Full PDB file with SEQRES, HELIX, SHEET, SSBOND, CRYST1, ORIGX, SCALE, CONECT and MASTER records, all heavy atoms in Angstrom:
SEQRES   1 A   41  MET GLU GLU PRO TRP ASN LEU GLU PHE VAL SER TYR ALA          
SEQRES   2 A   41  VAL ASP CYS LEU LEU SER PHE VAL THR GLU PHE VAL GLN          
SEQRES   3 A   41  ASP TRP ALA ALA ASN ASP MET ARG VAL SER ILE PHE LYS          
SEQRES   4 A   41  ILE LEU                                                      
HELIX    1 AA1 LEU A    7  ALA A   30  1                                  24    
HELIX    2 AA2 MET A   33  ILE A   40  1                                   8    
CRYST1    1.000    1.000    1.000  90.00  90.00  90.00 P 1           1          
ORIGX1      1.000000  0.000000  0.000000        0.00000                         
ORIGX2      0.000000  1.000000  0.000000        0.00000                         
ORIGX3      0.000000  0.000000  1.000000        0.00000                         
SCALE1      1.000000  0.000000  0.000000        0.00000                         
SCALE2      0.000000  1.000000  0.000000        0.00000                         
SCALE3      0.000000  0.000000  1.000000        0.00000                         
ATOM      1  N   MET A   1      -6.897  26.691  20.406  1.00  0.00           N  
ATOM      2  CA  MET A   1      -5.858  25.684  20.413  1.00  0.00           C  
ATOM      3  C   MET A   1      -6.166  24.651  19.340  1.00  0.00           C  
ATOM      4  O   MET A   1      -7.311  24.276  19.142  1.00  0.00           O  
ATOM      5  CB  MET A   1      -5.814  25.029  21.794  1.00  0.00           C  
ATOM      6  CG  MET A   1      -4.812  23.967  21.912  1.00  0.00           C  
ATOM      7  SD  MET A   1      -3.974  24.156  23.470  1.00  0.00           S  
ATOM      8  CE  MET A   1      -2.752  22.940  23.272  1.00  0.00           C  
ATOM      9  N   GLU A   2      -5.157  24.224  18.660  1.00  0.00           N  
ATOM     10  CA  GLU A   2      -5.351  23.256  17.584  1.00  0.00           C  
ATOM     11  C   GLU A   2      -5.605  21.866  18.152  1.00  0.00           C  
ATOM     12  O   GLU A   2      -5.053  21.483  19.176  1.00  0.00           O  
ATOM     13  CB  GLU A   2      -4.109  23.206  16.702  1.00  0.00           C  
ATOM     14  CG  GLU A   2      -3.845  24.482  15.946  1.00  0.00           C  
ATOM     15  CD  GLU A   2      -2.628  24.359  15.063  1.00  0.00           C  
ATOM     16  OE1 GLU A   2      -2.252  23.226  14.712  1.00  0.00           O  
ATOM     17  OE2 GLU A   2      -2.061  25.399  14.728  1.00  0.00           O  
ATOM     18  N   GLU A   3      -6.434  21.138  17.421  1.00  0.00           N  
ATOM     19  CA  GLU A   3      -6.701  19.762  17.827  1.00  0.00           C  
ATOM     20  C   GLU A   3      -5.553  18.871  17.373  1.00  0.00           C  
ATOM     21  O   GLU A   3      -4.997  19.075  16.294  1.00  0.00           O  
ATOM     22  CB  GLU A   3      -7.993  19.263  17.184  1.00  0.00           C  
ATOM     23  CG  GLU A   3      -9.235  19.937  17.722  1.00  0.00           C  
ATOM     24  CD  GLU A   3     -10.497  19.331  17.132  1.00  0.00           C  
ATOM     25  OE1 GLU A   3     -10.469  18.141  16.782  1.00  0.00           O  
ATOM     26  OE2 GLU A   3     -11.470  20.068  17.019  1.00  0.00           O  
ATOM     27  N   PRO A   4      -5.183  17.898  18.191  1.00  0.00           N  
ATOM     28  CA  PRO A   4      -4.113  16.982  17.754  1.00  0.00           C  
ATOM     29  C   PRO A   4      -4.629  16.078  16.630  1.00  0.00           C  
ATOM     30  O   PRO A   4      -5.823  15.935  16.421  1.00  0.00           O  
ATOM     31  CB  PRO A   4      -3.802  16.172  19.015  1.00  0.00           C  
ATOM     32  CG  PRO A   4      -5.030  16.268  19.847  1.00  0.00           C  
ATOM     33  CD  PRO A   4      -5.665  17.595  19.538  1.00  0.00           C  
ATOM     34  N   TRP A   5      -3.696  15.517  15.898  1.00  0.00           N  
ATOM     35  CA  TRP A   5      -4.043  14.627  14.793  1.00  0.00           C  
ATOM     36  C   TRP A   5      -4.848  13.447  15.325  1.00  0.00           C  
ATOM     37  O   TRP A   5      -4.588  12.936  16.405  1.00  0.00           O  
ATOM     38  CB  TRP A   5      -2.783  14.096  14.139  1.00  0.00           C  
ATOM     39  CG  TRP A   5      -2.141  15.086  13.220  1.00  0.00           C  
ATOM     40  CD1 TRP A   5      -1.521  16.243  13.576  1.00  0.00           C  
ATOM     41  CD2 TRP A   5      -2.079  15.009  11.814  1.00  0.00           C  
ATOM     42  NE1 TRP A   5      -1.066  16.876  12.484  1.00  0.00           N  
ATOM     43  CE2 TRP A   5      -1.386  16.151  11.375  1.00  0.00           C  
ATOM     44  CE3 TRP A   5      -2.524  14.092  10.877  1.00  0.00           C  
ATOM     45  CZ2 TRP A   5      -1.149  16.387  10.041  1.00  0.00           C  
ATOM     46  CZ3 TRP A   5      -2.262  14.328   9.549  1.00  0.00           C  
ATOM     47  CH2 TRP A   5      -1.595  15.467   9.145  1.00  0.00           C  
ATOM     48  N   ASN A   6      -5.782  13.017  14.520  1.00  0.00           N  
ATOM     49  CA  ASN A   6      -6.557  11.833  14.865  1.00  0.00           C  
ATOM     50  C   ASN A   6      -5.693  10.614  14.547  1.00  0.00           C  
ATOM     51  O   ASN A   6      -5.497  10.257  13.393  1.00  0.00           O  
ATOM     52  CB  ASN A   6      -7.852  11.814  14.069  1.00  0.00           C  
ATOM     53  CG  ASN A   6      -8.783  10.718  14.509  1.00  0.00           C  
ATOM     54  OD1 ASN A   6      -8.429   9.894  15.358  1.00  0.00           O  
ATOM     55  ND2 ASN A   6      -9.964  10.698  13.941  1.00  0.00           N  
ATOM     56  N   LEU A   7      -5.154   9.979  15.576  1.00  0.00           N  
ATOM     57  CA  LEU A   7      -4.198   8.895  15.365  1.00  0.00           C  
ATOM     58  C   LEU A   7      -4.852   7.652  14.777  1.00  0.00           C  
ATOM     59  O   LEU A   7      -4.176   6.854  14.137  1.00  0.00           O  
ATOM     60  CB  LEU A   7      -3.488   8.558  16.674  1.00  0.00           C  
ATOM     61  CG  LEU A   7      -2.553   9.651  17.194  1.00  0.00           C  
ATOM     62  CD1 LEU A   7      -1.904   9.216  18.497  1.00  0.00           C  
ATOM     63  CD2 LEU A   7      -1.494   9.981  16.169  1.00  0.00           C  
ATOM     64  N   GLU A   8      -6.168   7.477  14.984  1.00  0.00           N  
ATOM     65  CA  GLU A   8      -6.848   6.330  14.371  1.00  0.00           C  
ATOM     66  C   GLU A   8      -6.801   6.438  12.852  1.00  0.00           C  
ATOM     67  O   GLU A   8      -6.552   5.451  12.167  1.00  0.00           O  
ATOM     68  CB  GLU A   8      -8.295   6.255  14.842  1.00  0.00           C  
ATOM     69  CG  GLU A   8      -8.468   5.740  16.244  1.00  0.00           C  
ATOM     70  CD  GLU A   8      -9.939   5.622  16.612  1.00  0.00           C  
ATOM     71  OE1 GLU A   8     -10.768   5.462  15.689  1.00  0.00           O  
ATOM     72  OE2 GLU A   8     -10.242   5.697  17.794  1.00  0.00           O  
ATOM     73  N   PHE A   9      -7.045   7.634  12.330  1.00  0.00           N  
ATOM     74  CA  PHE A   9      -7.025   7.834  10.882  1.00  0.00           C  
ATOM     75  C   PHE A   9      -5.627   7.610  10.326  1.00  0.00           C  
ATOM     76  O   PHE A   9      -5.458   6.947   9.295  1.00  0.00           O  
ATOM     77  CB  PHE A   9      -7.525   9.244  10.532  1.00  0.00           C  
ATOM     78  CG  PHE A   9      -7.429   9.547   9.073  1.00  0.00           C  
ATOM     79  CD1 PHE A   9      -8.303   8.955   8.169  1.00  0.00           C  
ATOM     80  CD2 PHE A   9      -6.450  10.396   8.589  1.00  0.00           C  
ATOM     81  CE1 PHE A   9      -8.211   9.224   6.814  1.00  0.00           C  
ATOM     82  CE2 PHE A   9      -6.353  10.664   7.232  1.00  0.00           C  
ATOM     83  CZ  PHE A   9      -7.236  10.080   6.348  1.00  0.00           C  
ATOM     84  N   VAL A  10      -4.616   8.150  10.982  1.00  0.00           N  
ATOM     85  CA  VAL A  10      -3.236   7.989  10.517  1.00  0.00           C  
ATOM     86  C   VAL A  10      -2.842   6.520  10.573  1.00  0.00           C  
ATOM     87  O   VAL A  10      -2.226   5.995   9.638  1.00  0.00           O  
ATOM     88  CB  VAL A  10      -2.279   8.861  11.362  1.00  0.00           C  
ATOM     89  CG1 VAL A  10      -0.830   8.584  10.994  1.00  0.00           C  
ATOM     90  CG2 VAL A  10      -2.599  10.335  11.197  1.00  0.00           C  
ATOM     91  N   SER A  11      -3.214   5.838  11.643  1.00  0.00           N  
ATOM     92  CA  SER A  11      -2.899   4.415  11.778  1.00  0.00           C  
ATOM     93  C   SER A  11      -3.596   3.600  10.685  1.00  0.00           C  
ATOM     94  O   SER A  11      -2.990   2.700  10.099  1.00  0.00           O  
ATOM     95  CB  SER A  11      -3.329   3.925  13.161  1.00  0.00           C  
ATOM     96  OG  SER A  11      -3.149   2.542  13.258  1.00  0.00           O  
ATOM     97  N   TYR A  12      -4.854   3.932  10.388  1.00  0.00           N  
ATOM     98  CA  TYR A  12      -5.594   3.237   9.327  1.00  0.00           C  
ATOM     99  C   TYR A  12      -4.951   3.475   7.958  1.00  0.00           C  
ATOM    100  O   TYR A  12      -4.802   2.546   7.163  1.00  0.00           O  
ATOM    101  CB  TYR A  12      -7.051   3.711   9.323  1.00  0.00           C  
ATOM    102  CG  TYR A  12      -7.884   3.095   8.232  1.00  0.00           C  
ATOM    103  CD1 TYR A  12      -8.284   1.766   8.294  1.00  0.00           C  
ATOM    104  CD2 TYR A  12      -8.257   3.846   7.123  1.00  0.00           C  
ATOM    105  CE1 TYR A  12      -9.038   1.196   7.294  1.00  0.00           C  
ATOM    106  CE2 TYR A  12      -9.010   3.286   6.112  1.00  0.00           C  
ATOM    107  CZ  TYR A  12      -9.401   1.964   6.193  1.00  0.00           C  
ATOM    108  OH  TYR A  12     -10.144   1.408   5.188  1.00  0.00           O  
ATOM    109  N   ALA A  13      -4.535   4.723   7.694  1.00  0.00           N  
ATOM    110  CA  ALA A  13      -3.911   5.046   6.408  1.00  0.00           C  
ATOM    111  C   ALA A  13      -2.582   4.306   6.251  1.00  0.00           C  
ATOM    112  O   ALA A  13      -2.288   3.754   5.181  1.00  0.00           O  
ATOM    113  CB  ALA A  13      -3.703   6.549   6.295  1.00  0.00           C  
ATOM    114  N   VAL A  14      -1.790   4.266   7.296  1.00  0.00           N  
ATOM    115  CA  VAL A  14      -0.502   3.559   7.243  1.00  0.00           C  
ATOM    116  C   VAL A  14      -0.726   2.063   7.062  1.00  0.00           C  
ATOM    117  O   VAL A  14      -0.013   1.404   6.302  1.00  0.00           O  
ATOM    118  CB  VAL A  14       0.339   3.864   8.503  1.00  0.00           C  
ATOM    119  CG1 VAL A  14       1.548   2.952   8.595  1.00  0.00           C  
ATOM    120  CG2 VAL A  14       0.755   5.318   8.514  1.00  0.00           C  
ATOM    121  N   ASP A  15      -1.731   1.529   7.735  1.00  0.00           N  
ATOM    122  CA  ASP A  15      -2.045   0.102   7.611  1.00  0.00           C  
ATOM    123  C   ASP A  15      -2.479  -0.239   6.188  1.00  0.00           C  
ATOM    124  O   ASP A  15      -2.058  -1.260   5.630  1.00  0.00           O  
ATOM    125  CB  ASP A  15      -3.135  -0.276   8.616  1.00  0.00           C  
ATOM    126  CG  ASP A  15      -3.388  -1.775   8.644  1.00  0.00           C  
ATOM    127  OD1 ASP A  15      -2.394  -2.534   8.613  1.00  0.00           O  
ATOM    128  OD2 ASP A  15      -4.564  -2.178   8.704  1.00  0.00           O  
ATOM    129  N   CYS A  16      -3.310   0.599   5.584  1.00  0.00           N  
ATOM    130  CA  CYS A  16      -3.738   0.370   4.190  1.00  0.00           C  
ATOM    131  C   CYS A  16      -2.557   0.439   3.236  1.00  0.00           C  
ATOM    132  O   CYS A  16      -2.432  -0.398   2.335  1.00  0.00           O  
ATOM    133  CB  CYS A  16      -4.790   1.393   3.798  1.00  0.00           C  
ATOM    134  SG  CYS A  16      -6.396   1.133   4.556  1.00  0.00           S  
ATOM    135  N   LEU A  17      -1.705   1.417   3.431  1.00  0.00           N  
ATOM    136  CA  LEU A  17      -0.530   1.554   2.571  1.00  0.00           C  
ATOM    137  C   LEU A  17       0.403   0.358   2.721  1.00  0.00           C  
ATOM    138  O   LEU A  17       0.914  -0.177   1.730  1.00  0.00           O  
ATOM    139  CB  LEU A  17       0.212   2.852   2.897  1.00  0.00           C  
ATOM    140  CG  LEU A  17       1.440   3.149   2.055  1.00  0.00           C  
ATOM    141  CD1 LEU A  17       1.058   3.364   0.601  1.00  0.00           C  
ATOM    142  CD2 LEU A  17       2.162   4.360   2.597  1.00  0.00           C  
ATOM    143  N   LEU A  18       0.606  -0.078   3.937  1.00  0.00           N  
ATOM    144  CA  LEU A  18       1.478  -1.221   4.193  1.00  0.00           C  
ATOM    145  C   LEU A  18       0.913  -2.501   3.574  1.00  0.00           C  
ATOM    146  O   LEU A  18       1.651  -3.279   2.967  1.00  0.00           O  
ATOM    147  CB  LEU A  18       1.685  -1.405   5.692  1.00  0.00           C  
ATOM    148  CG  LEU A  18       2.680  -2.485   6.102  1.00  0.00           C  
ATOM    149  CD1 LEU A  18       4.067  -2.152   5.584  1.00  0.00           C  
ATOM    150  CD2 LEU A  18       2.692  -2.640   7.610  1.00  0.00           C  
ATOM    151  N   SER A  19      -0.410  -2.707   3.682  1.00  0.00           N  
ATOM    152  CA  SER A  19      -1.005  -3.899   3.080  1.00  0.00           C  
ATOM    153  C   SER A  19      -0.922  -3.853   1.561  1.00  0.00           C  
ATOM    154  O   SER A  19      -0.684  -4.872   0.908  1.00  0.00           O  
ATOM    155  CB  SER A  19      -2.451  -4.066   3.546  1.00  0.00           C  
ATOM    156  OG  SER A  19      -3.245  -3.010   3.066  1.00  0.00           O  
ATOM    157  N   PHE A  20      -1.093  -2.647   0.979  1.00  0.00           N  
ATOM    158  CA  PHE A  20      -0.966  -2.515  -0.482  1.00  0.00           C  
ATOM    159  C   PHE A  20       0.448  -2.838  -0.935  1.00  0.00           C  
ATOM    160  O   PHE A  20       0.650  -3.563  -1.907  1.00  0.00           O  
ATOM    161  CB  PHE A  20      -1.357  -1.096  -0.916  1.00  0.00           C  
ATOM    162  CG  PHE A  20      -1.121  -0.835  -2.368  1.00  0.00           C  
ATOM    163  CD1 PHE A  20      -1.991  -1.340  -3.319  1.00  0.00           C  
ATOM    164  CD2 PHE A  20      -0.032  -0.096  -2.788  1.00  0.00           C  
ATOM    165  CE1 PHE A  20      -1.771  -1.111  -4.670  1.00  0.00           C  
ATOM    166  CE2 PHE A  20       0.200   0.137  -4.127  1.00  0.00           C  
ATOM    167  CZ  PHE A  20      -0.676  -0.372  -5.069  1.00  0.00           C  
ATOM    168  N   VAL A  21       1.443  -2.293  -0.220  1.00  0.00           N  
ATOM    169  CA  VAL A  21       2.842  -2.541  -0.588  1.00  0.00           C  
ATOM    170  C   VAL A  21       3.177  -4.015  -0.427  1.00  0.00           C  
ATOM    171  O   VAL A  21       3.865  -4.603  -1.279  1.00  0.00           O  
ATOM    172  CB  VAL A  21       3.778  -1.641   0.248  1.00  0.00           C  
ATOM    173  CG1 VAL A  21       5.226  -2.059   0.097  1.00  0.00           C  
ATOM    174  CG2 VAL A  21       3.592  -0.188  -0.134  1.00  0.00           C  
ATOM    175  N   THR A  22       2.686  -4.641   0.634  1.00  0.00           N  
ATOM    176  CA  THR A  22       2.953  -6.067   0.857  1.00  0.00           C  
ATOM    177  C   THR A  22       2.364  -6.909  -0.273  1.00  0.00           C  
ATOM    178  O   THR A  22       3.024  -7.807  -0.808  1.00  0.00           O  
ATOM    179  CB  THR A  22       2.363  -6.509   2.208  1.00  0.00           C  
ATOM    180  OG1 THR A  22       2.917  -5.697   3.234  1.00  0.00           O  
ATOM    181  CG2 THR A  22       2.672  -7.964   2.488  1.00  0.00           C  
ATOM    182  N   GLU A  23       1.113  -6.602  -0.652  1.00  0.00           N  
ATOM    183  CA  GLU A  23       0.480  -7.345  -1.750  1.00  0.00           C  
ATOM    184  C   GLU A  23       1.215  -7.119  -3.061  1.00  0.00           C  
ATOM    185  O   GLU A  23       1.406  -8.040  -3.854  1.00  0.00           O  
ATOM    186  CB  GLU A  23      -0.984  -6.917  -1.877  1.00  0.00           C  
ATOM    187  CG  GLU A  23      -1.726  -7.675  -2.953  1.00  0.00           C  
ATOM    188  CD  GLU A  23      -3.170  -7.216  -3.086  1.00  0.00           C  
ATOM    189  OE1 GLU A  23      -3.668  -6.525  -2.185  1.00  0.00           O  
ATOM    190  OE2 GLU A  23      -3.785  -7.561  -4.115  1.00  0.00           O  
ATOM    191  N   PHE A  24       1.657  -5.870  -3.293  1.00  0.00           N  
ATOM    192  CA  PHE A  24       2.379  -5.561  -4.525  1.00  0.00           C  
ATOM    193  C   PHE A  24       3.702  -6.321  -4.577  1.00  0.00           C  
ATOM    194  O   PHE A  24       4.073  -6.852  -5.631  1.00  0.00           O  
ATOM    195  CB  PHE A  24       2.630  -4.055  -4.623  1.00  0.00           C  
ATOM    196  CG  PHE A  24       3.253  -3.643  -5.920  1.00  0.00           C  
ATOM    197  CD1 PHE A  24       2.497  -3.554  -7.069  1.00  0.00           C  
ATOM    198  CD2 PHE A  24       4.609  -3.356  -5.987  1.00  0.00           C  
ATOM    199  CE1 PHE A  24       3.072  -3.181  -8.276  1.00  0.00           C  
ATOM    200  CE2 PHE A  24       5.190  -2.978  -7.179  1.00  0.00           C  
ATOM    201  CZ  PHE A  24       4.416  -2.894  -8.324  1.00  0.00           C  
ATOM    202  N   VAL A  25       4.414  -6.401  -3.464  1.00  0.00           N  
ATOM    203  CA  VAL A  25       5.684  -7.131  -3.423  1.00  0.00           C  
ATOM    204  C   VAL A  25       5.459  -8.620  -3.659  1.00  0.00           C  
ATOM    205  O   VAL A  25       6.230  -9.271  -4.367  1.00  0.00           O  
ATOM    206  CB  VAL A  25       6.410  -6.862  -2.083  1.00  0.00           C  
ATOM    207  CG1 VAL A  25       7.578  -7.815  -1.881  1.00  0.00           C  
ATOM    208  CG2 VAL A  25       6.885  -5.424  -2.022  1.00  0.00           C  
ATOM    209  N   GLN A  26       4.391  -9.167  -3.101  1.00  0.00           N  
ATOM    210  CA  GLN A  26       4.077 -10.587  -3.334  1.00  0.00           C  
ATOM    211  C   GLN A  26       3.750 -10.840  -4.806  1.00  0.00           C  
ATOM    212  O   GLN A  26       4.201 -11.822  -5.390  1.00  0.00           O  
ATOM    213  CB  GLN A  26       2.908 -11.025  -2.447  1.00  0.00           C  
ATOM    214  CG  GLN A  26       3.251 -11.140  -0.984  1.00  0.00           C  
ATOM    215  CD  GLN A  26       2.023 -11.406  -0.126  1.00  0.00           C  
ATOM    216  OE1 GLN A  26       0.894 -11.365  -0.606  1.00  0.00           O  
ATOM    217  NE2 GLN A  26       2.263 -11.663   1.158  1.00  0.00           N  
ATOM    218  N   ASP A  27       2.958  -9.939  -5.408  1.00  0.00           N  
ATOM    219  CA  ASP A  27       2.652 -10.086  -6.836  1.00  0.00           C  
ATOM    220  C   ASP A  27       3.902  -9.936  -7.683  1.00  0.00           C  
ATOM    221  O   ASP A  27       4.077 -10.627  -8.690  1.00  0.00           O  
ATOM    222  CB  ASP A  27       1.602  -9.051  -7.263  1.00  0.00           C  
ATOM    223  CG  ASP A  27       0.220  -9.379  -6.752  1.00  0.00           C  
ATOM    224  OD1 ASP A  27       0.005 -10.532  -6.318  1.00  0.00           O  
ATOM    225  OD2 ASP A  27      -0.649  -8.480  -6.764  1.00  0.00           O  
ATOM    226  N   TRP A  28       4.778  -9.017  -7.295  1.00  0.00           N  
ATOM    227  CA  TRP A  28       6.029  -8.802  -8.039  1.00  0.00           C  
ATOM    228  C   TRP A  28       6.888 -10.057  -7.987  1.00  0.00           C  
ATOM    229  O   TRP A  28       7.473 -10.462  -8.986  1.00  0.00           O  
ATOM    230  CB  TRP A  28       6.769  -7.611  -7.443  1.00  0.00           C  
ATOM    231  CG  TRP A  28       7.934  -7.163  -8.268  1.00  0.00           C  
ATOM    232  CD1 TRP A  28       9.183  -7.696  -8.289  1.00  0.00           C  
ATOM    233  CD2 TRP A  28       7.938  -6.086  -9.202  1.00  0.00           C  
ATOM    234  NE1 TRP A  28       9.980  -7.014  -9.162  1.00  0.00           N  
ATOM    235  CE2 TRP A  28       9.251  -6.027  -9.739  1.00  0.00           C  
ATOM    236  CE3 TRP A  28       6.997  -5.161  -9.637  1.00  0.00           C  
ATOM    237  CZ2 TRP A  28       9.615  -5.067 -10.684  1.00  0.00           C  
ATOM    238  CZ3 TRP A  28       7.365  -4.225 -10.563  1.00  0.00           C  
ATOM    239  CH2 TRP A  28       8.654  -4.183 -11.090  1.00  0.00           C  
ATOM    240  N   ALA A  29       6.950 -10.677  -6.821  1.00  0.00           N  
ATOM    241  CA  ALA A  29       7.756 -11.887  -6.676  1.00  0.00           C  
ATOM    242  C   ALA A  29       7.153 -13.053  -7.446  1.00  0.00           C  
ATOM    243  O   ALA A  29       7.872 -13.910  -7.960  1.00  0.00           O  
ATOM    244  CB  ALA A  29       7.902 -12.254  -5.198  1.00  0.00           C  
ATOM    245  N   ALA A  30       5.824 -13.090  -7.546  1.00  0.00           N  
ATOM    246  CA  ALA A  30       5.155 -14.166  -8.259  1.00  0.00           C  
ATOM    247  C   ALA A  30       5.116 -13.919  -9.767  1.00  0.00           C  
ATOM    248  O   ALA A  30       4.684 -14.777 -10.523  1.00  0.00           O  
ATOM    249  CB  ALA A  30       3.730 -14.331  -7.735  1.00  0.00           C  
ATOM    250  N   ASN A  31       5.558 -12.732 -10.194  1.00  0.00           N  
ATOM    251  CA  ASN A  31       5.544 -12.337 -11.604  1.00  0.00           C  
ATOM    252  C   ASN A  31       4.126 -12.470 -12.175  1.00  0.00           C  
ATOM    253  O   ASN A  31       3.904 -13.082 -13.219  1.00  0.00           O  
ATOM    254  CB  ASN A  31       6.550 -13.151 -12.415  1.00  0.00           C  
ATOM    255  CG  ASN A  31       6.997 -12.388 -13.649  1.00  0.00           C  
ATOM    256  OD1 ASN A  31       6.734 -11.203 -13.771  1.00  0.00           O  
ATOM    257  ND2 ASN A  31       7.672 -13.083 -14.545  1.00  0.00           N  
ATOM    258  N   ASP A  32       3.190 -11.882 -11.479  1.00  0.00           N  
ATOM    259  CA  ASP A  32       1.781 -11.895 -11.845  1.00  0.00           C  
ATOM    260  C   ASP A  32       1.568 -11.105 -13.142  1.00  0.00           C  
ATOM    261  O   ASP A  32       2.409 -10.291 -13.532  1.00  0.00           O  
ATOM    262  CB  ASP A  32       0.974 -11.281 -10.688  1.00  0.00           C  
ATOM    263  CG  ASP A  32      -0.516 -11.474 -10.848  1.00  0.00           C  
ATOM    264  OD1 ASP A  32      -0.913 -12.431 -11.525  1.00  0.00           O  
ATOM    265  OD2 ASP A  32      -1.274 -10.668 -10.282  1.00  0.00           O  
ATOM    266  N   MET A  33       0.432 -11.339 -13.810  1.00  0.00           N  
ATOM    267  CA  MET A  33       0.119 -10.649 -15.063  1.00  0.00           C  
ATOM    268  C   MET A  33       0.009  -9.140 -14.838  1.00  0.00           C  
ATOM    269  O   MET A  33       0.450  -8.345 -15.670  1.00  0.00           O  
ATOM    270  CB  MET A  33      -1.189 -11.186 -15.649  1.00  0.00           C  
ATOM    271  CG  MET A  33      -1.593 -10.498 -16.938  1.00  0.00           C  
ATOM    272  SD  MET A  33      -0.390 -10.701 -18.255  1.00  0.00           S  
ATOM    273  CE  MET A  33      -0.761 -12.344 -18.757  1.00  0.00           C  
ATOM    274  N   ARG A  34      -0.566  -8.723 -13.708  1.00  0.00           N  
ATOM    275  CA  ARG A  34      -0.674  -7.292 -13.415  1.00  0.00           C  
ATOM    276  C   ARG A  34       0.698  -6.655 -13.312  1.00  0.00           C  
ATOM    277  O   ARG A  34       0.902  -5.515 -13.754  1.00  0.00           O  
ATOM    278  CB  ARG A  34      -1.447  -7.072 -12.116  1.00  0.00           C  
ATOM    279  CG  ARG A  34      -2.911  -7.428 -12.221  1.00  0.00           C  
ATOM    280  CD  ARG A  34      -3.600  -7.195 -10.913  1.00  0.00           C  
ATOM    281  NE  ARG A  34      -3.074  -8.157  -9.929  1.00  0.00           N  
ATOM    282  CZ  ARG A  34      -3.356  -8.141  -8.659  1.00  0.00           C  
ATOM    283  NH1 ARG A  34      -4.147  -7.213  -8.170  1.00  0.00           N  
ATOM    284  NH2 ARG A  34      -2.854  -9.055  -7.846  1.00  0.00           N  
ATOM    285  N   VAL A  35       1.647  -7.383 -12.742  1.00  0.00           N  
ATOM    286  CA  VAL A  35       3.007  -6.858 -12.613  1.00  0.00           C  
ATOM    287  C   VAL A  35       3.661  -6.760 -13.985  1.00  0.00           C  
ATOM    288  O   VAL A  35       4.375  -5.795 -14.273  1.00  0.00           O  
ATOM    289  CB  VAL A  35       3.839  -7.727 -11.658  1.00  0.00           C  
ATOM    290  CG1 VAL A  35       5.276  -7.271 -11.612  1.00  0.00           C  
ATOM    291  CG2 VAL A  35       3.227  -7.711 -10.269  1.00  0.00           C  
ATOM    292  N   SER A  36       3.405  -7.734 -14.846  1.00  0.00           N  
ATOM    293  CA  SER A  36       3.960  -7.679 -16.201  1.00  0.00           C  
ATOM    294  C   SER A  36       3.425  -6.467 -16.950  1.00  0.00           C  
ATOM    295  O   SER A  36       4.179  -5.752 -17.617  1.00  0.00           O  
ATOM    296  CB  SER A  36       3.622  -8.953 -16.962  1.00  0.00           C  
ATOM    297  OG  SER A  36       4.173 -10.072 -16.322  1.00  0.00           O  
ATOM    298  N   ILE A  37       2.128  -6.219 -16.834  1.00  0.00           N  
ATOM    299  CA  ILE A  37       1.531  -5.049 -17.487  1.00  0.00           C  
ATOM    300  C   ILE A  37       2.100  -3.769 -16.880  1.00  0.00           C  
ATOM    301  O   ILE A  37       2.401  -2.808 -17.594  1.00  0.00           O  
ATOM    302  CB  ILE A  37      -0.003  -5.102 -17.373  1.00  0.00           C  
ATOM    303  CG1 ILE A  37      -0.536  -6.270 -18.205  1.00  0.00           C  
ATOM    304  CG2 ILE A  37      -0.633  -3.793 -17.820  1.00  0.00           C  
ATOM    305  CD1 ILE A  37      -2.011  -6.539 -18.016  1.00  0.00           C  
ATOM    306  N   PHE A  38       2.259  -3.752 -15.561  1.00  0.00           N  
ATOM    307  CA  PHE A  38       2.837  -2.584 -14.894  1.00  0.00           C  
ATOM    308  C   PHE A  38       4.253  -2.324 -15.393  1.00  0.00           C  
ATOM    309  O   PHE A  38       4.629  -1.172 -15.644  1.00  0.00           O  
ATOM    310  CB  PHE A  38       2.836  -2.801 -13.377  1.00  0.00           C  
ATOM    311  CG  PHE A  38       3.484  -1.699 -12.610  1.00  0.00           C  
ATOM    312  CD1 PHE A  38       2.821  -0.510 -12.394  1.00  0.00           C  
ATOM    313  CD2 PHE A  38       4.775  -1.845 -12.118  1.00  0.00           C  
ATOM    314  CE1 PHE A  38       3.427   0.513 -11.681  1.00  0.00           C  
ATOM    315  CE2 PHE A  38       5.382  -0.835 -11.411  1.00  0.00           C  
ATOM    316  CZ  PHE A  38       4.708   0.350 -11.189  1.00  0.00           C  
ATOM    317  N   LYS A  39       5.060  -3.383 -15.537  1.00  0.00           N  
ATOM    318  CA  LYS A  39       6.430  -3.216 -16.018  1.00  0.00           C  
ATOM    319  C   LYS A  39       6.446  -2.660 -17.441  1.00  0.00           C  
ATOM    320  O   LYS A  39       7.256  -1.779 -17.765  1.00  0.00           O  
ATOM    321  CB  LYS A  39       7.172  -4.549 -15.980  1.00  0.00           C  
ATOM    322  CG  LYS A  39       7.524  -5.021 -14.596  1.00  0.00           C  
ATOM    323  CD  LYS A  39       8.217  -6.379 -14.660  1.00  0.00           C  
ATOM    324  CE  LYS A  39       8.540  -6.935 -13.304  1.00  0.00           C  
ATOM    325  NZ  LYS A  39       9.164  -8.267 -13.382  1.00  0.00           N  
ATOM    326  N   ILE A  40       5.557  -3.161 -18.285  1.00  0.00           N  
ATOM    327  CA  ILE A  40       5.490  -2.671 -19.668  1.00  0.00           C  
ATOM    328  C   ILE A  40       5.097  -1.196 -19.689  1.00  0.00           C  
ATOM    329  O   ILE A  40       5.720  -0.381 -20.381  1.00  0.00           O  
ATOM    330  CB  ILE A  40       4.508  -3.521 -20.494  1.00  0.00           C  
ATOM    331  CG1 ILE A  40       5.073  -4.921 -20.706  1.00  0.00           C  
ATOM    332  CG2 ILE A  40       4.188  -2.849 -21.828  1.00  0.00           C  
ATOM    333  CD1 ILE A  40       4.080  -5.910 -21.285  1.00  0.00           C  
ATOM    334  N   LEU A  41       4.068  -0.834 -18.923  1.00  0.00           N  
ATOM    335  CA  LEU A  41       3.611   0.561 -18.909  1.00  0.00           C  
ATOM    336  C   LEU A  41       4.650   1.485 -18.278  1.00  0.00           C  
ATOM    337  O   LEU A  41       4.845   2.618 -18.747  1.00  0.00           O  
ATOM    338  CB  LEU A  41       2.276   0.669 -18.168  1.00  0.00           C  
ATOM    339  CG  LEU A  41       1.091   0.012 -18.872  1.00  0.00           C  
ATOM    340  CD1 LEU A  41      -0.157   0.110 -18.006  1.00  0.00           C  
ATOM    341  CD2 LEU A  41       0.849   0.633 -20.225  1.00  0.00           C  
TER     342      LEU A  41                                                      
MASTER        0    0    0    2    0    0    0    6  341    1    0    4          
END                                                                             
């Protein structure tokens, strides 16, 4: 029988992705230098 997904790992991955997206949106709104370089590239 297959083992069910480890929900702690999935929850951690989703949390990391969500925090990255939140930080990216904040930087985008602040027009940070990293965002300017990202837009150029």
